[in-house]
């Protein structure tokens, strides 16, 4: 992982991770480990032949996948290209000959790579890039792959041969999730969590709509409470690329661990008065909620910028993500005020660290306003509960679909 951190720290716009075991001795676990180590977009470099590999790639943390024209005859290339786009994965469409390049251009692939490695002999030569890069239309981003060992190799693909000369300044991020750093835009793929799941029907509806995570509330005496055994039955039927998140509120660590084991949770979310040191007791990824004041009281309270920003910074050192929500406690009723998005945006922009903590936006989100919220705050993900319900504890599947579509429209 030291190599990945070196790439990211040196300004790499993206990192390619080999996961093919047979020819290149890679593994999917390598991608998972690199994802945990860096925050730049990741390309899974693998022989992608089936749609399940796309879901597998996204679950492992990839932002883009490699589609090799030579390995995908007929309509298989277009089918996988469209399927990847549908689940929020960018693609690098790889060619080696002029005929393959024509297929990639006809496909409308945004990013086309010329592989200098002959896949039959595994030998490398600069000739494919020298011949094909100038033929790639300017509407497509061109990439030269493999066989690059020296500065002269890079310069051979410079101006006049279809590629840009390397620059010392940090390049723009490639398609996939954009770098979350100062001045960066919204992530390419917004992660979406549907919270308050109480039935298998609602879980299936959220998964089919494209949710990345489902939230199960283990806070007693709330309308959306679900017993650990009932949650376990639902979670057992979820596909592996959907994360089951358990929501807790000032519960004892022993209780949290017991529920997590019984329900087979993939992550934990805490909404109480937990301190950073309290979150180090768990083996699962942790999300910590930071409660912001209601929108009507934010103006004139500049001290909140300092206190909440400090919390984001403190919790990001031990939590996988922080969630910004309103300060209304569930025990005080279920009417939720919309989050003051400009206030949240200031916190995200001003109090980020390097790498910037992953911030999830919640509070008052609906299918009608989530796109605006994402555009203003530029979060890593969004979390919705009552905004997509027919009544407390029961999801409106049409609202769920519209919410996912609106969130993805901004990130795309």
Protein backbone atom coordinates (compact mmCIF):
# COMPACT_ATOMS: atom_id res chain seq x y z
CA UNK A 1 0.00 0.00 0.00
CA UNK A 2 3.02 2.25 0.35
CA UNK A 3 3.29 2.39 -3.44
CA UNK A 4 -0.35 3.47 -3.78
CA UNK A 5 0.14 6.21 -1.19
CA UNK A 6 3.26 7.34 -3.04
CA UNK A 7 1.30 7.59 -6.30
CA UNK A 8 -1.51 9.53 -4.64
CA UNK A 9 0.85 11.83 -2.76
CA UNK A 10 2.78 12.56 -5.96
CA UNK A 11 -0.35 13.80 -7.73
CA UNK A 12 -1.67 10.73 -9.55
CA UNK A 13 -5.15 11.46 -10.93
CA UNK A 14 -6.06 7.76 -10.70
CA UNK A 15 -4.51 4.40 -9.84
CA UNK A 16 -4.86 1.15 -11.79
CA UNK A 17 -4.99 -1.98 -9.65
CA UNK A 18 -4.34 -5.38 -11.22
CA UNK A 19 -6.69 -8.05 -9.89
CA UNK A 20 -6.07 -10.80 -12.47
CA UNK A 21 -4.47 -13.74 -10.70
CA UNK A 22 -3.67 -16.11 -13.59
CA UNK A 23 -1.41 -13.86 -15.66
CA UNK A 24 -0.47 -10.98 -13.36
CA UNK A 25 -0.66 -12.48 -9.85
CA UNK A 26 -3.16 -9.90 -8.69
CA UNK A 27 -6.19 -10.34 -6.44
CA UNK A 28 -9.44 -8.54 -5.66
CA UNK A 29 -8.13 -8.13 -2.13
CA UNK A 30 -5.42 -5.84 -3.56
CA UNK A 31 -8.11 -3.48 -4.83
CA UNK A 32 -9.88 -3.49 -1.47
CA UNK A 33 -6.62 -2.72 0.33
CA UNK A 34 -5.72 0.15 -2.04
CA UNK A 35 -9.22 1.59 -1.68
CA UNK A 36 -8.70 1.72 2.08
CA UNK A 37 -5.31 3.39 1.67
CA UNK A 38 -6.03 6.22 -0.82
CA UNK A 39 -8.90 8.43 -1.93
CA UNK A 40 -8.08 8.85 -5.63
CA UNK A 41 -10.21 7.10 -8.28
CA UNK A 42 -9.32 3.44 -8.81
CA UNK A 43 -9.46 1.40 -12.02
CA UNK A 44 -9.89 -2.35 -11.67
CA UNK A 45 -7.56 -3.89 -14.26
CA UNK A 46 -9.07 -7.29 -14.96
CA UNK A 47 -10.53 -9.37 -17.77
CA UNK A 48 -14.15 -8.28 -17.30
CA UNK A 49 -16.37 -10.80 -19.09
CA UNK A 50 -19.55 -11.00 -17.01
CA UNK A 51 -21.90 -8.43 -15.47
CA UNK A 52 -21.44 -9.85 -11.97
CA UNK A 53 -17.81 -8.67 -12.15
CA UNK A 54 -19.07 -5.09 -12.46
CA UNK A 55 -21.00 -5.37 -9.20
CA UNK A 56 -18.03 -7.13 -7.64
CA UNK A 57 -15.78 -4.26 -8.74
CA UNK A 58 -18.04 -1.61 -7.30
CA UNK A 59 -18.36 -3.49 -4.01
CA UNK A 60 -14.56 -3.67 -3.76
CA UNK A 61 -14.23 0.10 -4.21
CA UNK A 62 -13.49 0.52 -7.91
CA UNK A 63 -14.52 3.72 -9.67
CA UNK A 64 -13.85 2.34 -13.18
CA UNK A 65 -13.30 -0.98 -14.93
CA UNK A 66 -11.30 -2.12 -17.94
CA UNK A 67 -13.24 -3.41 -20.96
CA UNK A 68 -10.99 -5.12 -23.53
CA UNK A 69 -12.45 -4.97 -27.02
CA UNK A 70 -10.57 -8.09 -28.15
CA UNK A 71 -12.13 -10.12 -25.34
CA UNK A 72 -15.73 -8.97 -25.92
CA UNK A 73 -17.12 -10.00 -29.32
CA UNK A 74 -20.46 -8.99 -30.81
CA UNK A 75 -22.81 -7.10 -28.53
CA UNK A 76 -21.05 -8.15 -25.32
CA UNK A 77 -18.90 -5.00 -25.33
CA UNK A 78 -21.88 -2.66 -25.54
CA UNK A 79 -23.87 -4.66 -22.99
CA UNK A 80 -21.10 -4.44 -20.40
CA UNK A 81 -20.36 -0.81 -21.24
CA UNK A 82 -24.03 0.13 -20.71
CA UNK A 83 -24.31 -2.01 -17.58
CA UNK A 84 -21.24 -0.35 -16.05
CA UNK A 85 -22.66 3.08 -16.78
CA UNK A 86 -25.95 2.05 -15.20
CA UNK A 87 -24.36 1.23 -11.84
CA UNK A 88 -22.09 4.25 -11.77
CA UNK A 89 -18.81 2.76 -12.99
CA UNK A 90 -16.65 4.55 -15.52
CA UNK A 91 -14.95 2.47 -18.23
CA UNK A 92 -11.56 2.40 -19.92
CA UNK A 93 -12.18 0.69 -23.28
CA UNK A 94 -8.96 -0.94 -24.43
CA UNK A 95 -7.87 -1.46 -28.05
CA UNK A 96 -4.80 -2.87 -29.76
CA UNK A 97 -5.63 -2.65 -33.47
CA UNK A 98 -7.31 -0.22 -35.84
CA UNK A 99 -10.39 -2.46 -36.16
CA UNK A 100 -10.76 -2.53 -32.37
CA UNK A 101 -10.39 1.24 -32.26
CA UNK A 102 -13.29 1.61 -34.71
CA UNK A 103 -15.49 -0.47 -32.39
CA UNK A 104 -14.54 1.66 -29.39
CA UNK A 105 -15.30 4.89 -31.26
CA UNK A 106 -18.63 3.50 -32.54
CA UNK A 107 -19.45 2.55 -28.96
CA UNK A 108 -19.03 6.17 -27.89
CA UNK A 109 -16.58 5.20 -25.15
CA UNK A 110 -15.51 8.39 -23.32
CA UNK A 111 -12.06 6.98 -22.50
CA UNK A 112 -10.15 4.81 -24.99
CA UNK A 113 -6.87 3.13 -24.08
CA UNK A 114 -4.29 1.77 -26.50
CA UNK A 115 -2.59 -1.27 -25.00
CA UNK A 116 1.05 -1.64 -25.99
CA UNK A 117 1.04 -5.20 -24.68
CA UNK A 118 0.18 -8.00 -27.09
CA UNK A 119 -2.32 -10.11 -25.15
CA UNK A 120 -1.31 -13.26 -27.02
CA UNK A 121 2.45 -13.03 -26.37
CA UNK A 122 2.35 -10.53 -23.44
CA UNK A 123 5.24 -8.66 -25.10
CA UNK A 124 5.21 -4.86 -25.18
CA UNK A 125 5.98 -2.40 -27.98
CA UNK A 126 5.36 1.32 -28.41
CA UNK A 127 4.09 0.86 -31.97
CA UNK A 128 0.37 0.48 -31.16
CA UNK A 129 0.26 3.82 -29.34
CA UNK A 130 2.33 5.56 -32.00
CA UNK A 131 -0.02 4.27 -34.69
CA UNK A 132 -3.42 4.59 -32.98
CA UNK A 133 -3.29 7.57 -30.60
CA UNK A 134 -3.41 10.11 -33.46
CA UNK A 135 -6.50 8.35 -34.83
CA UNK A 136 -8.57 8.75 -31.65
CA UNK A 137 -11.05 11.65 -32.11
CA UNK A 138 -10.61 14.61 -29.77
CA UNK A 139 -14.05 13.95 -28.28
CA UNK A 140 -12.53 10.92 -26.52
CA UNK A 141 -9.89 10.88 -23.80
CA UNK A 142 -6.89 8.86 -25.05
CA UNK A 143 -4.71 6.73 -22.78
CA UNK A 144 -1.49 4.87 -23.62
CA UNK A 145 -1.18 1.64 -21.61
CA UNK A 146 1.80 -0.56 -20.70
CA UNK A 147 5.40 -0.63 -21.90
CA UNK A 148 6.26 2.79 -20.48
CA UNK A 149 9.65 2.69 -18.78
CA UNK A 150 11.45 5.98 -19.45
CA UNK A 151 10.80 9.67 -19.92
CA UNK A 152 11.54 9.18 -23.61
CA UNK A 153 8.71 6.64 -23.82
CA UNK A 154 6.31 9.24 -22.42
CA UNK A 155 7.56 12.00 -24.70
CA UNK A 156 7.19 9.72 -27.73
CA UNK A 157 3.42 9.97 -27.17
CA UNK A 158 3.56 13.75 -26.77
CA UNK A 159 2.10 16.55 -28.92
CA UNK A 160 1.57 15.51 -32.51
CA UNK A 161 1.02 11.84 -31.56
CA UNK A 162 -2.39 12.14 -29.96
CA UNK A 163 -1.45 12.61 -26.31
CA UNK A 164 -0.63 15.56 -24.11
CA UNK A 165 2.86 16.20 -22.82
CA UNK A 166 3.04 15.50 -19.10
CA UNK A 167 2.78 18.53 -16.82
CA UNK A 168 4.13 18.93 -13.32
CA UNK A 169 0.93 20.40 -11.92
CA UNK A 170 -1.67 17.99 -10.51
CA UNK A 171 -3.81 16.65 -13.36
CA UNK A 172 -7.58 16.47 -13.31
CA UNK A 173 -9.13 13.31 -11.97
CA UNK A 174 -10.18 10.74 -14.51
CA UNK A 175 -13.81 9.66 -14.93
CA UNK A 176 -14.95 7.85 -11.83
CA UNK A 177 -15.09 9.44 -8.41
CA UNK A 178 -13.52 12.91 -8.53
CA UNK A 179 -10.81 13.79 -6.05
CA UNK A 180 -12.33 15.23 -2.91
CA UNK A 181 -9.90 17.99 -2.26
CA UNK A 182 -9.91 21.77 -2.18
CA UNK A 183 -11.82 23.04 -5.17
CA UNK A 184 -12.94 19.60 -6.27
CA UNK A 185 -16.46 19.10 -7.55
CA UNK A 186 -19.06 16.63 -6.37
CA UNK A 187 -18.01 12.97 -6.41
CA UNK A 188 -18.51 11.25 -9.73
CA UNK A 189 -20.57 8.56 -8.04
CA UNK A 190 -22.60 9.65 -5.02
CA UNK A 191 -23.00 6.85 -2.51
CA UNK A 192 -26.65 6.48 -1.46
CA UNK A 193 -27.92 4.90 1.76
CA UNK A 194 -31.60 4.15 2.31
CA UNK A 195 -32.19 4.08 6.05
CA UNK A 196 -35.01 2.74 8.20
CA UNK A 197 -35.46 -0.59 6.39
CA UNK A 198 -37.95 -2.87 8.17
CA UNK A 199 -39.02 -5.39 5.51
CA UNK A 200 -37.54 -7.53 2.76
CA UNK A 201 -39.87 -5.85 0.24
CA UNK A 202 -38.44 -2.43 1.02
CA UNK A 203 -34.89 -3.81 0.99
CA UNK A 204 -35.38 -5.33 -2.45
CA UNK A 205 -36.93 -2.13 -3.77
CA UNK A 206 -33.96 -0.08 -2.60
CA UNK A 207 -31.44 -2.56 -4.03
CA UNK A 208 -33.20 -2.66 -7.39
CA UNK A 209 -33.17 1.16 -7.46
CA UNK A 210 -29.38 1.11 -7.01
CA UNK A 211 -28.78 1.80 -3.30
CA UNK A 212 -25.24 1.24 -2.06
CA UNK A 213 -26.21 0.70 1.58
CA UNK A 214 -29.28 -0.01 3.70
CA UNK A 215 -29.74 1.22 7.26
CA UNK A 216 -31.34 -0.87 10.03
CA UNK A 217 -32.33 1.05 13.16
CA UNK A 218 -31.71 -0.77 16.43
CA UNK A 219 -32.91 2.14 18.59
CA UNK A 220 -35.79 0.88 20.69
CA UNK A 221 -39.10 2.79 20.91
CA UNK A 222 -38.74 4.34 17.46
CA UNK A 223 -41.18 3.72 14.59
CA UNK A 224 -38.47 2.15 12.46
CA UNK A 225 -36.95 -0.15 15.06
CA UNK A 226 -36.18 -3.62 13.74
CA UNK A 227 -35.24 -6.57 15.93
CA UNK A 228 -31.79 -8.07 15.28
CA UNK A 229 -33.28 -11.44 14.25
CA UNK A 230 -35.65 -9.78 11.76
CA UNK A 231 -32.80 -7.68 10.37
CA UNK A 232 -30.65 -10.79 10.00
CA UNK A 233 -33.34 -12.45 7.86
CA UNK A 234 -33.42 -9.43 5.53
CA UNK A 235 -29.65 -8.97 5.38
CA UNK A 236 -29.14 -12.65 4.51
CA UNK A 237 -30.95 -11.98 1.22
CA UNK A 238 -28.99 -8.88 0.24
CA UNK A 239 -26.43 -9.04 -2.60
CA UNK A 240 -22.80 -8.77 -1.43
CA UNK A 241 -22.27 -5.31 -2.92
CA UNK A 242 -24.90 -3.69 -0.65
CA UNK A 243 -23.68 -2.74 2.83
CA UNK A 244 -25.97 -3.39 5.79
CA UNK A 245 -25.49 -0.58 8.34
CA UNK A 246 -26.73 -0.84 11.91
CA UNK A 247 -27.85 2.39 13.62
CA UNK A 248 -27.25 2.77 17.37
CA UNK A 249 -27.70 5.52 19.95
CA UNK A 250 -25.55 5.47 23.09
CA UNK A 251 -25.71 1.68 23.33
CA UNK A 252 -23.07 -0.21 25.27
CA UNK A 253 -20.29 -1.68 23.13
CA UNK A 254 -21.16 -5.22 24.21
CA UNK A 255 -24.74 -4.73 22.99
CA UNK A 256 -23.60 -3.24 19.68
CA UNK A 257 -21.21 -6.12 19.05
CA UNK A 258 -23.87 -8.72 19.89
CA UNK A 259 -26.39 -7.15 17.50
CA UNK A 260 -23.75 -6.76 14.79
CA UNK A 261 -22.84 -10.44 15.06
CA UNK A 262 -26.45 -11.66 15.08
CA UNK A 263 -27.58 -9.48 12.18
CA UNK A 264 -24.28 -9.87 10.27
CA UNK A 265 -23.85 -6.14 9.77
CA UNK A 266 -21.28 -4.63 7.44
CA UNK A 267 -20.93 -1.25 9.18
CA UNK A 268 -22.03 0.62 12.32
CA UNK A 269 -23.55 4.09 12.62
CA UNK A 270 -23.73 6.02 15.91
CA UNK A 271 -26.15 8.88 16.61
CA UNK A 272 -25.55 9.49 20.31
CA UNK A 273 -22.98 11.31 22.40
CA UNK A 274 -20.16 8.89 21.60
CA UNK A 275 -16.65 10.31 21.72
CA UNK A 276 -13.91 9.51 19.18
CA UNK A 277 -12.21 7.10 21.56
CA UNK A 278 -15.49 5.16 21.97
CA UNK A 279 -15.46 4.22 18.30
CA UNK A 280 -12.14 2.39 18.38
CA UNK A 281 -13.67 -0.66 20.07
CA UNK A 282 -15.18 -2.04 16.87
CA UNK A 283 -13.78 -4.12 14.03
CA UNK A 284 -16.42 -2.95 11.52
CA UNK A 285 -16.29 0.40 9.69
CA UNK A 286 -17.92 3.16 11.73
CA UNK A 287 -20.04 6.17 10.72
CA UNK A 288 -20.50 8.95 13.29
CA UNK A 289 -23.39 11.38 13.15
CA UNK A 290 -22.71 15.04 13.89
CA UNK A 291 -25.89 16.96 14.66
CA UNK A 292 -26.16 20.44 13.22
CA UNK A 293 -28.58 23.07 14.55
CA UNK A 294 -31.96 23.43 12.83
CA UNK A 295 -31.87 25.63 9.74
CA UNK A 296 -33.89 28.40 11.42
CA UNK A 297 -31.24 28.92 14.12
CA UNK A 298 -28.01 28.66 12.15
CA UNK A 299 -27.69 32.28 11.06
CA UNK A 300 -25.94 34.34 13.70
CA UNK A 301 -24.26 31.34 15.30
CA UNK A 302 -20.74 31.37 13.81
CA UNK A 303 -19.43 29.31 16.73
CA UNK A 304 -21.09 26.27 15.22
CA UNK A 305 -18.68 26.44 12.29
CA UNK A 306 -15.80 25.95 14.69
CA UNK A 307 -17.33 23.34 16.99
CA UNK A 308 -18.84 21.16 14.28
CA UNK A 309 -15.81 21.45 12.05
CA UNK A 310 -13.66 20.31 14.96
CA UNK A 311 -15.94 17.29 15.42
CA UNK A 312 -15.63 16.39 11.74
CA UNK A 313 -11.87 16.55 12.01
CA UNK A 314 -11.77 14.58 15.27
CA UNK A 315 -14.13 11.80 14.26
CA UNK A 316 -12.65 11.42 10.78
CA UNK A 317 -9.48 10.10 12.40
CA UNK A 318 -11.32 7.04 13.74
CA UNK A 319 -14.49 6.78 11.61
CA UNK A 320 -14.86 5.67 8.01
CA UNK A 321 -17.25 8.59 7.46
CA UNK A 322 -19.11 11.32 9.30
CA UNK A 323 -22.79 12.01 8.74
CA UNK A 324 -24.18 15.54 9.01
CA UNK A 325 -27.76 15.56 10.29
CA UNK A 326 -30.14 17.90 12.11
CA UNK A 327 -30.04 18.11 15.89
CA UNK A 328 -33.67 17.04 16.36
CA UNK A 329 -33.68 13.95 18.55
CA UNK A 330 -35.95 11.07 17.59
CA UNK A 331 -37.36 11.11 21.13
CA UNK A 332 -38.64 14.64 20.42
CA UNK A 333 -40.69 13.52 17.43
CA UNK A 334 -40.26 12.52 13.82
CA UNK A 335 -40.63 15.93 12.18
CA UNK A 336 -37.20 16.66 10.69
CA UNK A 337 -36.04 20.10 9.61
CA UNK A 338 -34.04 20.21 6.35
CA UNK A 339 -30.32 20.58 6.86
CA UNK A 340 -28.89 24.05 6.21
CA UNK A 341 -26.87 23.03 3.19
CA UNK A 342 -24.77 26.16 2.92
CA UNK A 343 -23.68 25.65 6.50
CA UNK A 344 -22.81 22.02 5.76
CA UNK A 345 -20.91 23.09 2.65
CA UNK A 346 -18.78 25.50 4.72
CA UNK A 347 -17.92 22.69 7.11
CA UNK A 348 -17.03 20.31 4.28
CA UNK A 349 -14.88 22.93 2.52
CA UNK A 350 -13.26 24.57 5.54
CA UNK A 351 -12.61 21.75 7.95
CA UNK A 352 -11.47 18.97 5.67
CA UNK A 353 -8.21 17.18 6.32
CA UNK A 354 -5.84 15.52 3.85
CA UNK A 355 -7.16 13.14 2.71
CA UNK A 356 -10.49 14.86 3.26
CA UNK A 357 -12.90 12.90 5.49
CA UNK A 358 -15.87 11.27 3.79
CA UNK A 359 -18.96 13.32 4.62
CA UNK A 360 -22.46 11.89 4.23
CA UNK A 361 -25.34 14.37 4.03
CA UNK A 362 -28.67 13.66 5.72
CA UNK A 363 -31.62 15.51 7.19
CA UNK A 364 -34.69 16.60 5.24
CA UNK A 365 -33.63 15.09 1.92
CA UNK A 366 -36.30 14.17 -0.64
CA UNK A 367 -36.39 13.19 -4.32
CA UNK A 368 -37.21 16.82 -5.09
CA UNK A 369 -34.30 18.47 -3.25
CA UNK A 370 -31.46 15.93 -3.14
CA UNK A 371 -29.91 17.10 -6.41
CA UNK A 372 -29.73 20.68 -5.15
CA UNK A 373 -28.28 19.53 -1.83
CA UNK A 374 -25.55 17.51 -3.54
CA UNK A 375 -24.65 20.41 -5.84
CA UNK A 376 -24.25 22.76 -2.86
CA UNK A 377 -22.55 20.52 -0.30
CA UNK A 378 -20.59 18.14 -2.58
CA UNK A 379 -20.71 15.23 -0.11
CA UNK A 380 -19.29 11.74 -0.43
CA UNK A 381 -22.78 10.30 -0.01
CA UNK A 382 -26.36 10.97 0.99
CA UNK A 383 -28.62 9.25 3.51
CA UNK A 384 -32.42 9.32 3.39
CA UNK A 385 -35.14 7.89 5.60
CA UNK A 386 -38.49 9.65 6.00
CA UNK A 387 -38.04 11.48 2.69
CA UNK A 388 -38.80 8.27 0.77
CA UNK A 389 -41.51 6.81 3.00
CA UNK A 390 -45.21 6.16 2.53
CA UNK A 391 -45.51 6.17 6.33
CA UNK A 392 -43.01 5.65 9.18
CA UNK A 393 -41.22 2.35 8.63
CA UNK A 394 -42.69 1.70 5.17
CA UNK A 395 -40.88 2.89 2.03
CA UNK A 396 -42.55 4.36 -1.05
CA UNK A 397 -40.74 2.49 -3.82
CA UNK A 398 -41.46 5.17 -6.41
CA UNK A 399 -39.89 7.81 -4.13
CA UNK A 400 -36.89 5.56 -3.60
CA UNK A 401 -36.38 5.20 -7.36
CA UNK A 402 -36.77 8.93 -7.95
CA UNK A 403 -34.37 9.73 -5.10
CA UNK A 404 -31.68 7.45 -6.54
CA UNK A 405 -32.20 8.83 -10.03
CA UNK A 406 -31.92 12.42 -8.83
CA UNK A 407 -28.76 11.72 -6.83
CA UNK A 408 -27.11 9.89 -9.72
CA UNK A 409 -28.05 12.65 -12.17
CA UNK A 410 -25.86 15.13 -10.30
CA UNK A 411 -22.93 12.76 -9.90
CA UNK A 412 -23.04 11.77 -13.56
